[in-house]
Amino acid sequence: LLICVLVFQIVSMLIPVTSRTRVKRSGISPLHLAAERNNDDILEELIDAGYDVNTALSQERSCLYEDRRTTPLYFAVFNNNIYATELLLQAGANPNVDLINPLLISIRHGCLKTMKLLLDHGANIDAYITSHPTTFPATIMFSMKYLSVLKYLLDLGCDAVSCFECQYGNGPHPVLNYRRDRLNDPQQPKQPTIIQVSTA
């Protein structure tokens, strides 16, 4: 507890003397770090100090995460931190910026409170994942595990009709020719090479 208080005091002293330009050039905002580490007091202090809640991670930093997250809101939702999510949304965080919509993450967690917060602040109820094209919203795909969540989304107007209008019907879908970009996507681990030495 004492360490948390000291960290908060240090951050409070650093905020007025920190160059926003240098923070921007670093590719990561203190908001990202506070949200990632569930430091709600520090997150609140940074928001009160005027840090932009929609600041995105640089592409280099975003590539360090498999899901390509970019916003502090994504970190808060990913950690299932309802308070931080609410703080960021009330401060004007856009819930539709990340490649994978935070609403999909809250659905995956099965957290109705976070889902409601995101939807109340304009999250796209018909969110798709661009790297996984489907004819129906990813919100439906992610909610299949939780039927009460699926019903909730359908009651709110999620586009379920597209589920029944697939051009391939019940048959198999063609293979998607999706090439990953070797510079922006993680490298596939290479198989280890085994060398056998003869003792003869």
C-alpha atoms as a PDB file:
ATOM      1  CA  LEU A   1       0.000   0.000   0.000  1.00  0.00           C
ATOM      2  CA  LEU A   2       2.850   2.362   0.860  1.00  0.00           C
ATOM      3  CA  ILE A   3       4.505   1.675  -2.491  1.00  0.00           C
ATOM      4  CA  CYS A   4       1.266   2.501  -4.335  1.00  0.00           C
ATOM      5  CA  VAL A   5       1.016   5.804  -2.468  1.00  0.00           C
ATOM      6  CA  LEU A   6       4.648   6.634  -3.277  1.00  0.00           C
ATOM      7  CA  VAL A   7       4.195   5.779  -6.960  1.00  0.00           C
ATOM      8  CA  PHE A   8       1.091   7.966  -7.109  1.00  0.00           C
ATOM      9  CA  GLN A   9       2.976  10.864  -5.490  1.00  0.00           C
ATOM     10  CA  ILE A  10       5.896  10.467  -7.903  1.00  0.00           C
ATOM     11  CA  VAL A  11       3.569  10.436 -10.914  1.00  0.00           C
ATOM     12  CA  SER A  12       1.759  13.512  -9.568  1.00  0.00           C
ATOM     13  CA  MET A  13       5.088  15.355  -9.338  1.00  0.00           C
ATOM     14  CA  LEU A  14       6.209  14.278 -12.821  1.00  0.00           C
ATOM     15  CA  ILE A  15       3.023  15.206 -14.697  1.00  0.00           C
ATOM     16  CA  PRO A  16       3.594  18.998 -14.720  1.00  0.00           C
ATOM     17  CA  VAL A  17       7.228  18.698 -15.853  1.00  0.00           C
ATOM     18  CA  THR A  18       6.792  15.970 -18.470  1.00  0.00           C
ATOM     19  CA  SER A  19       7.071  17.003 -22.115  1.00  0.00           C
ATOM     20  CA  ARG A  20       3.957  15.901 -24.020  1.00  0.00           C
ATOM     21  CA  THR A  21       6.007  15.989 -27.230  1.00  0.00           C
ATOM     22  CA  ARG A  22       8.488  13.473 -25.853  1.00  0.00           C
ATOM     23  CA  VAL A  23       5.681  11.278 -24.608  1.00  0.00           C
ATOM     24  CA  LYS A  24       4.155  11.334 -28.094  1.00  0.00           C
ATOM     25  CA  ARG A  25       7.500  10.462 -29.699  1.00  0.00           C
ATOM     26  CA  SER A  26       7.984   7.530 -27.326  1.00  0.00           C
ATOM     27  CA  GLY A  27       5.091   5.685 -28.967  1.00  0.00           C
ATOM     28  CA  ILE A  28       3.338   4.928 -25.686  1.00  0.00           C
ATOM     29  CA  SER A  29       1.334   7.125 -23.342  1.00  0.00           C
ATOM     30  CA  PRO A  30       1.391   6.901 -19.549  1.00  0.00           C
ATOM     31  CA  LEU A  31      -2.344   6.178 -19.928  1.00  0.00           C
ATOM     32  CA  HIS A  32      -1.493   2.907 -21.685  1.00  0.00           C
ATOM     33  CA  LEU A  33       0.832   1.898 -18.869  1.00  0.00           C
ATOM     34  CA  ALA A  34      -1.644   2.837 -16.133  1.00  0.00           C
ATOM     35  CA  ALA A  35      -4.472   0.943 -17.869  1.00  0.00           C
ATOM     36  CA  GLU A  36      -2.263  -2.072 -18.580  1.00  0.00           C
ATOM     37  CA  ARG A  37      -1.170  -2.297 -14.945  1.00  0.00           C
ATOM     38  CA  ASN A  38      -4.622  -1.537 -13.454  1.00  0.00           C
ATOM     39  CA  ASN A  39      -3.347   1.611 -11.716  1.00  0.00           C
ATOM     40  CA  ASP A  40      -6.739   3.322 -11.523  1.00  0.00           C
ATOM     41  CA  ASP A  41      -5.607   6.218  -9.311  1.00  0.00           C
ATOM     42  CA  ILE A  42      -2.795   7.075 -11.701  1.00  0.00           C
ATOM     43  CA  LEU A  43      -5.106   6.665 -14.693  1.00  0.00           C
ATOM     44  CA  GLU A  44      -7.557   9.099 -13.124  1.00  0.00           C
ATOM     45  CA  GLU A  45      -4.749  11.575 -12.338  1.00  0.00           C
ATOM     46  CA  LEU A  46      -3.483  11.429 -15.948  1.00  0.00           C
ATOM     47  CA  ILE A  47      -6.984  11.986 -17.334  1.00  0.00           C
ATOM     48  CA  ASP A  48      -7.462  14.950 -14.990  1.00  0.00           C
ATOM     49  CA  ALA A  49      -4.109  16.321 -16.201  1.00  0.00           C
ATOM     50  CA  GLY A  50      -5.450  16.343 -19.760  1.00  0.00           C
ATOM     51  CA  TYR A  51      -3.744  13.352 -21.348  1.00  0.00           C
ATOM     52  CA  ASP A  52      -5.555  12.292 -24.527  1.00  0.00           C
ATOM     53  CA  VAL A  53      -7.572   9.125 -23.856  1.00  0.00           C
ATOM     54  CA  ASN A  54      -7.574   8.314 -27.580  1.00  0.00           C
ATOM     55  CA  THR A  55      -3.793   8.348 -27.976  1.00  0.00           C
ATOM     56  CA  ALA A  56      -2.772   5.261 -29.918  1.00  0.00           C
ATOM     57  CA  LEU A  57       0.306   3.148 -29.414  1.00  0.00           C
ATOM     58  CA  SER A  58       2.860   3.578 -32.179  1.00  0.00           C
ATOM     59  CA  GLN A  59       2.818   0.841 -34.808  1.00  0.00           C
ATOM     60  CA  GLU A  60       6.101  -0.514 -33.441  1.00  0.00           C
ATOM     61  CA  ARG A  61       4.649  -0.821 -29.926  1.00  0.00           C
ATOM     62  CA  SER A  62       1.313  -2.177 -31.145  1.00  0.00           C
ATOM     63  CA  CYS A  63       3.135  -4.971 -32.995  1.00  0.00           C
ATOM     64  CA  LEU A  64       4.467  -6.203 -29.654  1.00  0.00           C
ATOM     65  CA  TYR A  65       0.940  -7.416 -28.875  1.00  0.00           C
ATOM     66  CA  GLU A  66      -0.515 -10.282 -30.875  1.00  0.00           C
ATOM     67  CA  ASP A  67      -3.941  -8.584 -30.979  1.00  0.00           C
ATOM     68  CA  ARG A  68      -2.450  -5.264 -32.243  1.00  0.00           C
ATOM     69  CA  ARG A  69      -4.107  -3.257 -29.465  1.00  0.00           C
ATOM     70  CA  THR A  70      -3.595   0.493 -29.661  1.00  0.00           C
ATOM     71  CA  THR A  71      -5.721   2.314 -27.074  1.00  0.00           C
ATOM     72  CA  PRO A  72      -5.751   2.594 -23.273  1.00  0.00           C
ATOM     73  CA  LEU A  73      -9.417   1.532 -23.447  1.00  0.00           C
ATOM     74  CA  TYR A  74      -8.426  -1.787 -24.996  1.00  0.00           C
ATOM     75  CA  PHE A  75      -5.992  -2.425 -22.128  1.00  0.00           C
ATOM     76  CA  ALA A  76      -8.691  -1.655 -19.549  1.00  0.00           C
ATOM     77  CA  VAL A  77     -11.273  -3.914 -21.219  1.00  0.00           C
ATOM     78  CA  PHE A  78      -8.709  -6.677 -21.766  1.00  0.00           C
ATOM     79  CA  ASN A  79      -7.919  -6.598 -18.027  1.00  0.00           C
ATOM     80  CA  ASN A  80     -11.665  -6.690 -17.286  1.00  0.00           C
ATOM     81  CA  ASN A  81     -11.211  -3.470 -15.297  1.00  0.00           C
ATOM     82  CA  ILE A  82     -14.715  -1.991 -15.235  1.00  0.00           C
ATOM     83  CA  TYR A  83     -13.727   1.134 -13.299  1.00  0.00           C
ATOM     84  CA  ALA A  84     -10.888   2.035 -15.697  1.00  0.00           C
ATOM     85  CA  THR A  85     -13.146   1.328 -18.678  1.00  0.00           C
ATOM     86  CA  GLU A  86     -15.776   3.672 -17.267  1.00  0.00           C
ATOM     87  CA  LEU A  87     -13.169   6.384 -16.526  1.00  0.00           C
ATOM     88  CA  LEU A  88     -11.817   6.277 -20.074  1.00  0.00           C
ATOM     89  CA  LEU A  89     -15.252   6.237 -21.717  1.00  0.00           C
ATOM     90  CA  GLN A  90     -16.490   9.153 -19.600  1.00  0.00           C
ATOM     91  CA  ALA A  91     -13.350  11.060 -20.605  1.00  0.00           C
ATOM     92  CA  GLY A  92     -14.237  10.554 -24.283  1.00  0.00           C
ATOM     93  CA  ALA A  93     -12.440   7.350 -25.298  1.00  0.00           C
ATOM     94  CA  ASN A  94     -13.599   6.077 -28.697  1.00  0.00           C
ATOM     95  CA  PRO A  95     -14.590   2.392 -28.410  1.00  0.00           C
ATOM     96  CA  ASN A  96     -14.236   1.755 -32.162  1.00  0.00           C
ATOM     97  CA  VAL A  97     -10.557   2.511 -32.838  1.00  0.00           C
ATOM     98  CA  ASP A  98      -8.740  -0.779 -32.259  1.00  0.00           C
ATOM     99  CA  LEU A  99      -8.355  -3.473 -34.916  1.00  0.00           C
ATOM    100  CA  ILE A 100     -10.231  -5.834 -32.615  1.00  0.00           C
ATOM    101  CA  ASN A 101     -13.085  -3.897 -31.057  1.00  0.00           C
ATOM    102  CA  PRO A 102     -12.957  -3.860 -27.226  1.00  0.00           C
ATOM    103  CA  LEU A 103     -16.632  -4.886 -27.300  1.00  0.00           C
ATOM    104  CA  LEU A 104     -15.504  -8.257 -28.666  1.00  0.00           C
ATOM    105  CA  ILE A 105     -13.096  -8.639 -25.759  1.00  0.00           C
ATOM    106  CA  SER A 106     -15.839  -7.862 -23.226  1.00  0.00           C
ATOM    107  CA  ILE A 107     -18.086 -10.418 -24.943  1.00  0.00           C
ATOM    108  CA  ARG A 108     -15.287 -12.991 -24.762  1.00  0.00           C
ATOM    109  CA  HIS A 109     -15.005 -12.271 -21.021  1.00  0.00           C
ATOM    110  CA  GLY A 110     -18.789 -12.506 -20.658  1.00  0.00           C
ATOM    111  CA  CYS A 111     -18.862  -9.205 -18.748  1.00  0.00           C
ATOM    112  CA  LEU A 112     -22.287  -7.631 -19.278  1.00  0.00           C
ATOM    113  CA  LYS A 113     -21.402  -4.482 -17.333  1.00  0.00           C
ATOM    114  CA  THR A 114     -18.416  -3.699 -19.576  1.00  0.00           C
ATOM    115  CA  MET A 115     -20.460  -4.539 -22.677  1.00  0.00           C
ATOM    116  CA  LYS A 116     -23.218  -2.179 -21.577  1.00  0.00           C
ATOM    117  CA  LEU A 117     -20.697   0.607 -20.871  1.00  0.00           C
ATOM    118  CA  LEU A 118     -19.129   0.195 -24.308  1.00  0.00           C
ATOM    119  CA  LEU A 119     -22.472   0.043 -26.112  1.00  0.00           C
ATOM    120  CA  ASP A 120     -23.775   3.072 -24.190  1.00  0.00           C
ATOM    121  CA  HIS A 121     -20.725   5.000 -25.399  1.00  0.00           C
ATOM    122  CA  GLY A 122     -21.134   4.094 -29.069  1.00  0.00           C
ATOM    123  CA  ALA A 123     -19.339   0.767 -29.541  1.00  0.00           C
ATOM    124  CA  ASN A 124     -20.254  -0.833 -32.861  1.00  0.00           C
ATOM    125  CA  ILE A 125     -22.688  -3.638 -32.038  1.00  0.00           C
ATOM    126  CA  ASP A 126     -21.997  -5.140 -35.481  1.00  0.00           C
ATOM    127  CA  ALA A 127     -18.196  -5.176 -35.074  1.00  0.00           C
ATOM    128  CA  TYR A 128     -16.166  -7.226 -37.531  1.00  0.00           C
ATOM    129  CA  ILE A 129     -12.548  -8.366 -37.476  1.00  0.00           C
ATOM    130  CA  THR A 130     -10.913  -7.263 -40.722  1.00  0.00           C
ATOM    131  CA  SER A 131      -8.417 -10.126 -40.775  1.00  0.00           C
ATOM    132  CA  HIS A 132     -11.253 -12.688 -40.429  1.00  0.00           C
ATOM    133  CA  PRO A 133     -13.893 -11.687 -42.977  1.00  0.00           C
ATOM    134  CA  THR A 134     -17.310 -13.191 -42.355  1.00  0.00           C
ATOM    135  CA  THR A 135     -20.765 -12.274 -43.587  1.00  0.00           C
ATOM    136  CA  PHE A 136     -21.998 -11.890 -40.013  1.00  0.00           C
ATOM    137  CA  PRO A 137     -20.719  -9.658 -37.199  1.00  0.00           C
ATOM    138  CA  ALA A 138     -17.930 -10.996 -34.995  1.00  0.00           C
ATOM    139  CA  THR A 139     -20.073 -10.006 -32.006  1.00  0.00           C
ATOM    140  CA  ILE A 140     -22.322 -12.975 -32.835  1.00  0.00           C
ATOM    141  CA  MET A 141     -19.387 -15.338 -33.235  1.00  0.00           C
ATOM    142  CA  PHE A 142     -17.858 -14.255 -29.905  1.00  0.00           C
ATOM    143  CA  SER A 143     -21.153 -14.511 -28.003  1.00  0.00           C
ATOM    144  CA  MET A 144     -21.966 -18.095 -29.013  1.00  0.00           C
ATOM    145  CA  LYS A 145     -20.465 -19.320 -25.731  1.00  0.00           C
ATOM    146  CA  TYR A 146     -22.859 -17.153 -23.701  1.00  0.00           C
ATOM    147  CA  LEU A 147     -26.431 -17.454 -24.970  1.00  0.00           C
ATOM    148  CA  SER A 148     -27.682 -14.746 -22.595  1.00  0.00           C
ATOM    149  CA  VAL A 149     -25.105 -12.364 -24.106  1.00  0.00           C
ATOM    150  CA  LEU A 150     -26.197 -13.361 -27.621  1.00  0.00           C
ATOM    151  CA  LYS A 151     -29.831 -12.674 -26.719  1.00  0.00           C
ATOM    152  CA  TYR A 152     -28.838  -9.317 -25.199  1.00  0.00           C
ATOM    153  CA  LEU A 153     -27.017  -8.307 -28.397  1.00  0.00           C
ATOM    154  CA  LEU A 154     -29.879  -9.466 -30.607  1.00  0.00           C
ATOM    155  CA  ASP A 155     -32.377  -7.531 -28.472  1.00  0.00           C
ATOM    156  CA  LEU A 156     -30.244  -4.415 -29.003  1.00  0.00           C
ATOM    157  CA  GLY A 157     -30.379  -4.860 -32.775  1.00  0.00           C
ATOM    158  CA  CYS A 158     -27.255  -6.794 -33.714  1.00  0.00           C
ATOM    159  CA  ASP A 159     -27.466  -7.841 -37.386  1.00  0.00           C
ATOM    160  CA  ALA A 160     -28.340 -11.536 -37.145  1.00  0.00           C
ATOM    161  CA  VAL A 161     -30.008 -11.721 -40.553  1.00  0.00           C
ATOM    162  CA  SER A 162     -26.616 -11.926 -42.236  1.00  0.00           C
ATOM    163  CA  CYS A 163     -26.028 -15.254 -40.439  1.00  0.00           C
ATOM    164  CA  PHE A 164     -28.706 -16.807 -42.618  1.00  0.00           C
ATOM    165  CA  GLU A 165     -27.658 -15.257 -45.913  1.00  0.00           C
ATOM    166  CA  CYS A 166     -24.222 -16.830 -46.406  1.00  0.00           C
ATOM    167  CA  GLN A 167     -23.477 -17.278 -50.088  1.00  0.00           C
ATOM    168  CA  TYR A 168     -21.858 -20.665 -49.348  1.00  0.00           C
ATOM    169  CA  GLY A 169     -24.833 -22.058 -47.440  1.00  0.00           C
ATOM    170  CA  ASN A 170     -23.943 -25.029 -45.253  1.00  0.00           C
ATOM    171  CA  GLY A 171     -21.037 -26.012 -47.499  1.00  0.00           C
ATOM    172  CA  PRO A 172     -17.381 -25.355 -46.828  1.00  0.00           C
ATOM    173  CA  HIS A 173     -16.045 -21.877 -47.395  1.00  0.00           C
ATOM    174  CA  PRO A 174     -13.161 -21.365 -49.799  1.00  0.00           C
ATOM    175  CA  VAL A 175      -9.685 -20.956 -48.350  1.00  0.00           C
ATOM    176  CA  LEU A 176      -8.857 -17.336 -47.645  1.00  0.00           C
ATOM    177  CA  ASN A 177      -5.680 -16.206 -49.384  1.00  0.00           C
ATOM    178  CA  TYR A 178      -4.462 -13.949 -46.635  1.00  0.00           C
ATOM    179  CA  ARG A 179      -0.779 -13.145 -46.636  1.00  0.00           C
ATOM    180  CA  ARG A 180       0.701 -11.795 -43.476  1.00  0.00           C
ATOM    181  CA  ASP A 181       3.102  -8.900 -43.605  1.00  0.00           C
ATOM    182  CA  ARG A 182       6.453 -10.130 -42.316  1.00  0.00           C
ATOM    183  CA  LEU A 183       7.397  -6.646 -41.075  1.00  0.00           C
ATOM    184  CA  ASN A 184       4.259  -6.048 -39.043  1.00  0.00           C
ATOM    185  CA  ASP A 185       3.305  -9.529 -37.952  1.00  0.00           C
ATOM    186  CA  PRO A 186       5.127 -11.818 -35.570  1.00  0.00           C
ATOM    187  CA  GLN A 187       7.411 -14.358 -37.139  1.00  0.00           C
ATOM    188  CA  GLN A 188       6.336 -17.958 -36.979  1.00  0.00           C
ATOM    189  CA  PRO A 189       8.683 -19.902 -34.741  1.00  0.00           C
ATOM    190  CA  LYS A 190      11.025 -22.080 -36.734  1.00  0.00           C
ATOM    191  CA  GLN A 191      11.186 -25.759 -36.016  1.00  0.00           C
ATOM    192  CA  PRO A 192      14.295 -26.612 -34.032  1.00  0.00           C
ATOM    193  CA  THR A 193      16.987 -28.315 -36.032  1.00  0.00           C
ATOM    194  CA  ILE A 194      18.246 -31.551 -34.567  1.00  0.00           C
ATOM    195  CA  ILE A 195      21.778 -32.575 -35.372  1.00  0.00           C
ATOM    196  CA  GLN A 196      22.766 -36.122 -34.594  1.00  0.00           C
ATOM    197  CA  VAL A 197      26.438 -36.758 -33.997  1.00  0.00           C
ATOM    198  CA  SER A 198      27.811 -40.175 -34.682  1.00  0.00           C
ATOM    199  CA  THR A 199      29.848 -41.701 -31.846  1.00  0.00           C
ATOM    200  CA  ALA A 200      31.419 -44.371 -34.029  1.00  0.00           C
END
